[in-house]
């Protein structure tokens, strides 16, 4: 089972490089990390294979996992991309964008508490909620917040990681890859102002039908002037 990709993920792996139709073009080494961006190193003799084909979208297959790369450009022996989605995606059109921000989950969950009852530990949820309809730049969408948690157990110790995610959605509206950047960055700026401290993006996923796919891109911090 794969763990989720965060925007702080460091990944390096040998891959098969595929075109949009999943035909293998060459082999290379895929690297993505917050400090280095997203790129694929290729052999010098493979550069010509990318000259006369559409490489705006490429795919990289590592083991049984496919990563879709967007806005690809070849410079020397390296393919650069601006966006990576974990999944085999042909059309970068989405009906939802989900965002998790650092520090915001603690703020939303500050009134929650545990209660011990009949030898069971019960989590009392009093999470703040957001559910608003927004119109912006000719698009209509709903912004909603959702409580979630993950558990980790090691010997007799259980660790609970709580988080709040924000979902931009509209089943009748199609979002593009540009919306991924604008939604996530605008939300980060909003909470930077509301919380009076720097708020960073932790995780971004896109929704296609009923499925969610992890997204990676390089971000910069947002600070208050």
Protein backbone atom coordinates (compact mmCIF):
# COMPACT_ATOMS: atom_id res chain seq x y z
CA UNK A 1 0.00 0.00 0.00
CA UNK A 2 1.39 3.41 -0.97
CA UNK A 3 1.61 6.21 1.56
CA UNK A 4 0.22 9.59 0.60
CA UNK A 5 2.45 12.08 -1.18
CA UNK A 6 2.91 15.33 0.71
CA UNK A 7 4.49 18.47 -0.69
CA UNK A 8 7.53 17.62 1.46
CA UNK A 9 8.04 14.21 -0.16
CA UNK A 10 11.49 13.21 -1.43
CA UNK A 11 11.40 10.59 -4.16
CA UNK A 12 14.06 9.08 -6.40
CA UNK A 13 13.46 6.05 -8.60
CA UNK A 14 14.31 4.44 -11.92
CA UNK A 15 11.34 4.68 -14.31
CA UNK A 16 10.05 3.82 -17.76
CA UNK A 17 9.13 7.06 -19.53
CA UNK A 18 5.82 6.84 -21.42
CA UNK A 19 3.92 9.16 -23.72
CA UNK A 20 0.27 10.08 -23.15
CA UNK A 21 -0.82 6.87 -24.91
CA UNK A 22 1.35 4.79 -22.52
CA UNK A 23 3.89 3.86 -25.18
CA UNK A 24 7.40 3.55 -23.74
CA UNK A 25 9.84 6.15 -25.07
CA UNK A 26 12.93 5.72 -22.91
CA UNK A 27 14.15 5.02 -19.40
CA UNK A 28 15.30 7.50 -16.80
CA UNK A 29 15.45 8.49 -13.16
CA UNK A 30 12.49 10.38 -11.71
CA UNK A 31 13.24 12.81 -8.89
CA UNK A 32 10.84 15.08 -7.06
CA UNK A 33 11.40 16.90 -3.79
CA UNK A 34 10.57 20.32 -2.28
CA UNK A 35 14.14 21.46 -2.72
CA UNK A 36 14.70 20.27 -6.28
CA UNK A 37 11.34 20.38 -8.06
CA UNK A 38 10.26 17.65 -10.51
CA UNK A 39 12.52 16.25 -13.21
CA UNK A 40 13.61 13.08 -15.00
CA UNK A 41 17.25 12.45 -15.89
CA UNK A 42 17.72 10.70 -19.24
CA UNK A 43 20.68 9.36 -21.22
CA UNK A 44 22.26 11.76 -23.71
CA UNK A 45 21.48 9.44 -26.65
CA UNK A 46 17.75 9.52 -25.76
CA UNK A 47 17.32 13.29 -26.15
CA UNK A 48 16.32 13.04 -29.82
CA UNK A 49 13.40 10.75 -28.94
CA UNK A 50 11.61 13.73 -27.39
CA UNK A 51 12.23 16.31 -30.12
CA UNK A 52 9.35 15.63 -32.52
CA UNK A 53 6.61 14.45 -30.16
CA UNK A 54 4.16 16.18 -27.83
CA UNK A 55 5.70 16.06 -24.36
CA UNK A 56 3.34 18.46 -22.59
CA UNK A 57 2.18 15.36 -20.70
CA UNK A 58 4.51 12.44 -19.97
CA UNK A 59 4.15 9.46 -17.67
CA UNK A 60 6.70 7.64 -15.56
CA UNK A 61 6.19 4.04 -14.47
CA UNK A 62 7.98 2.94 -11.31
CA UNK A 63 7.26 -0.66 -10.25
CA UNK A 64 3.46 -0.81 -10.66
CA UNK A 65 2.83 2.88 -10.02
CA UNK A 66 2.35 5.46 -12.78
CA UNK A 67 3.11 9.16 -12.26
CA UNK A 68 1.71 11.75 -14.69
CA UNK A 69 3.91 14.81 -15.37
CA UNK A 70 2.54 18.06 -16.79
CA UNK A 71 4.13 20.98 -18.70
CA UNK A 72 7.23 18.96 -19.57
CA UNK A 73 10.28 20.54 -21.20
CA UNK A 74 13.61 18.96 -22.16
CA UNK A 75 16.83 20.77 -21.34
CA UNK A 76 20.10 18.97 -22.01
CA UNK A 77 19.68 15.49 -20.47
CA UNK A 78 16.85 16.40 -18.13
CA UNK A 79 13.05 16.62 -18.47
CA UNK A 80 11.49 19.25 -16.22
CA UNK A 81 7.82 19.31 -15.15
CA UNK A 82 5.75 21.79 -13.16
CA UNK A 83 3.23 19.31 -11.76
CA UNK A 84 3.14 15.61 -10.86
CA UNK A 85 0.04 13.50 -10.20
CA UNK A 86 0.30 9.98 -8.81
CA UNK A 87 -1.91 8.09 -11.22
CA UNK A 88 -2.39 7.33 -14.91
CA UNK A 89 -4.13 10.53 -16.04
CA UNK A 90 -4.77 11.44 -19.68
CA UNK A 91 -6.86 14.60 -19.34
CA UNK A 92 -5.90 17.07 -16.62
CA UNK A 93 -9.50 18.00 -15.86
CA UNK A 94 -10.90 17.62 -12.36
CA UNK A 95 -14.13 18.10 -10.42
CA UNK A 96 -12.45 18.74 -7.08
CA UNK A 97 -9.24 19.93 -5.41
CA UNK A 98 -8.48 18.91 -1.82
CA UNK A 99 -5.96 20.87 0.29
CA UNK A 100 -4.37 20.30 3.72
CA UNK A 101 -2.54 23.23 5.36
CA UNK A 102 0.07 23.17 8.12
CA UNK A 103 -1.06 24.49 11.49
CA UNK A 104 -4.67 24.93 10.41
CA UNK A 105 -5.72 21.48 11.64
CA UNK A 106 -4.54 22.31 15.19
CA UNK A 107 -6.47 25.57 15.06
CA UNK A 108 -9.66 23.88 13.88
CA UNK A 109 -9.36 21.02 16.39
CA UNK A 110 -8.42 23.14 19.41
CA UNK A 111 -11.75 22.47 21.18
CA UNK A 112 -11.68 18.70 20.68
CA UNK A 113 -10.93 16.44 23.61
CA UNK A 114 -10.70 12.80 24.71
CA UNK A 115 -13.11 11.16 27.15
CA UNK A 116 -12.47 7.91 28.98
CA UNK A 117 -15.67 5.91 29.33
CA UNK A 118 -16.17 2.25 30.20
CA UNK A 119 -12.54 1.41 29.42
CA UNK A 120 -12.84 3.07 26.00
CA UNK A 121 -11.24 6.31 24.86
CA UNK A 122 -13.73 8.45 22.97
CA UNK A 123 -12.76 11.46 20.89
CA UNK A 124 -15.21 14.33 21.24
CA UNK A 125 -15.25 16.30 18.01
CA UNK A 126 -16.11 19.99 18.14
CA UNK A 127 -14.37 20.96 14.95
CA UNK A 128 -15.05 24.32 13.31
CA UNK A 129 -16.61 23.87 9.87
CA UNK A 130 -16.62 25.76 6.60
CA UNK A 131 -19.24 25.23 3.90
CA UNK A 132 -19.66 28.15 1.50
CA UNK A 133 -20.53 28.66 -2.17
CA UNK A 134 -18.12 30.92 -4.04
CA UNK A 135 -18.09 32.59 -7.44
CA UNK A 136 -14.71 33.71 -8.73
CA UNK A 137 -13.36 34.44 -12.22
CA UNK A 138 -16.51 33.10 -13.84
CA UNK A 139 -16.42 29.81 -11.94
CA UNK A 140 -18.77 28.58 -9.23
CA UNK A 141 -17.67 26.10 -6.59
CA UNK A 142 -18.22 25.01 -3.02
CA UNK A 143 -15.51 25.21 -0.35
CA UNK A 144 -15.99 22.81 2.56
CA UNK A 145 -13.84 21.60 5.45
CA UNK A 146 -13.63 17.96 6.56
CA UNK A 147 -12.22 16.36 9.71
CA UNK A 148 -10.04 13.28 9.37
CA UNK A 149 -7.44 11.27 11.24
CA UNK A 150 -4.84 8.54 10.80
CA UNK A 151 -3.70 6.08 13.45
CA UNK A 152 -0.31 4.48 13.96
CA UNK A 153 0.30 1.68 16.45
CA UNK A 154 3.65 0.57 17.79
CA UNK A 155 3.69 -2.03 20.55
CA UNK A 156 1.32 -0.65 23.21
CA UNK A 157 1.42 2.94 21.97
CA UNK A 158 -1.19 4.34 19.58
CA UNK A 159 -0.61 7.63 17.79
CA UNK A 160 -3.50 9.62 16.33
CA UNK A 161 -2.76 12.21 13.65
CA UNK A 162 -5.70 14.55 13.12
CA UNK A 163 -6.13 16.81 10.14
CA UNK A 164 -8.62 19.10 8.46
CA UNK A 165 -8.86 19.09 4.68
CA UNK A 166 -10.52 21.69 2.48
CA UNK A 167 -12.36 20.62 -0.66
CA UNK A 168 -13.07 22.88 -3.64
CA UNK A 169 -15.79 21.07 -5.58
CA UNK A 170 -18.55 21.39 -8.14
CA UNK A 171 -19.84 18.31 -9.92
CA UNK A 172 -20.96 20.49 -12.83
CA UNK A 173 -17.73 22.50 -13.09
CA UNK A 174 -14.46 21.36 -14.62
CA UNK A 175 -11.24 22.51 -12.95
CA UNK A 176 -7.88 22.65 -14.71
CA UNK A 177 -4.32 22.26 -13.46
CA UNK A 178 -4.12 26.05 -13.12
CA UNK A 179 -6.96 25.86 -10.60
CA UNK A 180 -4.84 23.53 -8.46
CA UNK A 181 -2.25 26.26 -8.02
CA UNK A 182 -4.74 29.12 -7.57
CA UNK A 183 -7.04 27.30 -5.11
CA UNK A 184 -4.23 26.01 -2.90
CA UNK A 185 -2.21 29.22 -2.88
CA UNK A 186 -5.25 31.46 -2.29
CA UNK A 187 -6.34 29.28 0.63
CA UNK A 188 -2.86 29.36 2.11
CA UNK A 189 -2.78 33.17 1.88
CA UNK A 190 -6.24 33.42 3.47
CA UNK A 191 -5.28 31.40 6.54
CA UNK A 192 -1.94 33.18 6.79
CA UNK A 193 -3.94 36.38 7.32
CA UNK A 194 -6.61 34.82 9.59
CA UNK A 195 -4.10 33.08 11.86
CA UNK A 196 -1.51 35.87 11.76
CA UNK A 197 1.31 33.42 11.04
CA UNK A 198 2.90 31.71 8.05
CA UNK A 199 0.76 28.84 6.74
CA UNK A 200 2.23 26.30 4.31
CA UNK A 201 0.68 23.73 2.03
CA UNK A 202 1.09 20.17 3.32
CA UNK A 203 -0.85 18.05 0.85
CA UNK A 204 -2.90 18.54 -2.31
CA UNK A 205 -5.06 15.98 -4.09
CA UNK A 206 -7.34 16.20 -7.11
CA UNK A 207 -10.71 14.52 -7.48
CA UNK A 208 -11.73 12.77 -10.69
CA UNK A 209 -15.24 11.30 -10.43
CA UNK A 210 -15.11 9.61 -7.00
CA UNK A 211 -11.35 8.98 -6.89
CA UNK A 212 -8.60 11.14 -5.38
CA UNK A 213 -5.03 11.43 -6.69
CA UNK A 214 -2.03 12.87 -4.87
CA UNK A 215 -0.40 15.94 -6.42
CA UNK A 216 3.15 17.26 -6.05
CA UNK A 217 4.52 20.66 -7.02
CA UNK A 218 7.12 22.96 -5.57
CA UNK A 219 5.76 25.61 -3.24
CA UNK A 220 7.14 28.68 -1.50
CA UNK A 221 6.25 29.98 1.94
CA UNK A 222 3.58 32.62 2.41
CA UNK A 223 4.35 35.28 4.99
CA UNK A 224 2.52 38.32 6.29
CA UNK A 225 4.00 41.65 5.08
